[in-house]
C-alpha atoms as a PDB file:
ATOM      1  CA  MET A   1       4.089 -48.581 -64.799  1.00  0.00           C
ATOM      2  CA  LYS A   2       3.183 -51.960 -66.153  1.00  0.00           C
ATOM      3  CA  ALA A   3       3.725 -55.401 -64.718  1.00  0.00           C
ATOM      4  CA  GLN A   4       2.877 -58.904 -65.745  1.00  0.00           C
ATOM      5  CA  THR A   5       1.916 -61.494 -63.190  1.00  0.00           C
ATOM      6  CA  ASN A   6      -0.246 -64.520 -62.828  1.00  0.00           C
ATOM      7  CA  LYS A   7      -2.457 -65.984 -60.139  1.00  0.00           C
ATOM      8  CA  THR A   8       0.306 -68.275 -58.861  1.00  0.00           C
ATOM      9  CA  ASP A   9       2.660 -65.315 -58.381  1.00  0.00           C
ATOM     10  CA  ILE A  10      -0.006 -63.441 -56.448  1.00  0.00           C
ATOM     11  CA  GLN A  11      -0.726 -66.460 -54.247  1.00  0.00           C
ATOM     12  CA  ASN A  12       2.991 -66.920 -53.565  1.00  0.00           C
ATOM     13  CA  ILE A  13       3.375 -63.271 -52.564  1.00  0.00           C
ATOM     14  CA  GLY A  14       0.350 -63.538 -50.308  1.00  0.00           C
ATOM     15  CA  GLU A  15       1.653 -66.683 -48.641  1.00  0.00           C
ATOM     16  CA  HIS A  16       5.111 -65.175 -48.204  1.00  0.00           C
ATOM     17  CA  TYR A  17       3.787 -62.075 -46.421  1.00  0.00           C
ATOM     18  CA  GLY A  18       0.766 -63.705 -44.805  1.00  0.00           C
ATOM     19  CA  LEU A  19      -1.713 -61.566 -46.734  1.00  0.00           C
ATOM     20  CA  ASP A  20      -4.751 -62.102 -48.880  1.00  0.00           C
ATOM     21  CA  VAL A  21      -3.475 -59.999 -51.774  1.00  0.00           C
ATOM     22  CA  GLU A  22      -6.787 -59.916 -53.613  1.00  0.00           C
ATOM     23  CA  ASN A  23      -8.632 -58.617 -50.552  1.00  0.00           C
ATOM     24  CA  GLU A  24      -5.906 -56.071 -49.823  1.00  0.00           C
ATOM     25  CA  LEU A  25      -5.975 -54.698 -53.371  1.00  0.00           C
ATOM     26  CA  THR A  26      -9.776 -54.651 -53.404  1.00  0.00           C
ATOM     27  CA  SER A  27      -9.805 -52.756 -50.116  1.00  0.00           C
ATOM     28  CA  ILE A  28      -7.281 -50.182 -51.349  1.00  0.00           C
ATOM     29  CA  LEU A  29      -9.194 -49.671 -54.595  1.00  0.00           C
ATOM     30  CA  SER A  30     -12.466 -49.329 -52.708  1.00  0.00           C
ATOM     31  CA  ASP A  31     -10.995 -46.705 -50.366  1.00  0.00           C
ATOM     32  CA  GLU A  32      -9.562 -44.665 -53.227  1.00  0.00           C
ATOM     33  CA  LEU A  33     -12.806 -44.849 -55.191  1.00  0.00           C
ATOM     34  CA  SER A  34     -14.772 -43.754 -52.136  1.00  0.00           C
ATOM     35  CA  LYS A  35     -12.460 -40.774 -51.582  1.00  0.00           C
ATOM     36  CA  SER A  36     -12.779 -39.767 -55.204  1.00  0.00           C
ATOM     37  CA  ILE A  37     -16.576 -39.973 -55.149  1.00  0.00           C
ATOM     38  CA  ASP A  38     -16.727 -38.030 -51.879  1.00  0.00           C
ATOM     39  CA  ALA A  39     -14.515 -35.303 -53.327  1.00  0.00           C
ATOM     40  CA  GLU A  40     -16.717 -35.009 -56.414  1.00  0.00           C
ATOM     41  CA  ILE A  41     -19.863 -34.773 -54.271  1.00  0.00           C
ATOM     42  CA  ILE A  42     -18.329 -32.051 -52.121  1.00  0.00           C
ATOM     43  CA  LYS A  43     -17.222 -30.105 -55.187  1.00  0.00           C
ATOM     44  CA  SER A  44     -20.666 -30.369 -56.808  1.00  0.00           C
ATOM     45  CA  LEU A  45     -22.430 -29.282 -53.614  1.00  0.00           C
ATOM     46  CA  PHE A  46     -20.347 -26.161 -53.183  1.00  0.00           C
ATOM     47  CA  GLY A  47     -19.789 -25.410 -56.850  1.00  0.00           C
ATOM     48  CA  ASP A  48     -17.322 -22.772 -57.922  1.00  0.00           C
ATOM     49  CA  PHE A  49     -18.377 -20.466 -55.095  1.00  0.00           C
ATOM     50  CA  LYS A  50     -15.973 -22.005 -52.599  1.00  0.00           C
ATOM     51  CA  LYS A  51     -13.806 -24.052 -54.920  1.00  0.00           C
ATOM     52  CA  ASN A  52     -10.509 -22.726 -53.566  1.00  0.00           C
ATOM     53  CA  LYS A  53     -11.468 -23.370 -49.945  1.00  0.00           C
ATOM     54  CA  ILE A  54     -12.679 -26.888 -50.759  1.00  0.00           C
ATOM     55  CA  ASN A  55      -9.420 -27.676 -52.567  1.00  0.00           C
ATOM     56  CA  LYS A  56      -7.419 -26.479 -49.559  1.00  0.00           C
ATOM     57  CA  ILE A  57      -9.518 -28.643 -47.229  1.00  0.00           C
ATOM     58  CA  LEU A  58      -9.099 -31.682 -49.489  1.00  0.00           C
ATOM     59  CA  GLU A  59      -5.325 -31.113 -49.617  1.00  0.00           C
ATOM     60  CA  LYS A  60      -5.180 -30.962 -45.811  1.00  0.00           C
ATOM     61  CA  ILE A  61      -7.167 -34.197 -45.620  1.00  0.00           C
ATOM     62  CA  LYS A  62      -4.817 -35.885 -48.103  1.00  0.00           C
ATOM     63  CA  ASN A  63      -1.771 -34.682 -46.190  1.00  0.00           C
ATOM     64  CA  PHE A  64      -3.272 -35.857 -42.896  1.00  0.00           C
ATOM     65  CA  GLU A  65      -4.036 -39.324 -44.307  1.00  0.00           C
ATOM     66  CA  ASN A  66      -0.520 -39.677 -45.750  1.00  0.00           C
ATOM     67  CA  ASP A  67       1.158 -38.875 -42.425  1.00  0.00           C
END
């Protein structure tokens, strides 16, 4: 998906919804990056030995967060 926008459009959206769009997007990106890094650390710590169990745990965490 691709979109074109400019700073004025972003400011207008933020004003319309009462949000600081830049901070919201930065926060979302930071959270997703943190989750990704955490998942990689967990996988590297446990290696292939418990890979299936780790993947099941991560799926449960994802499902819990999406509910």
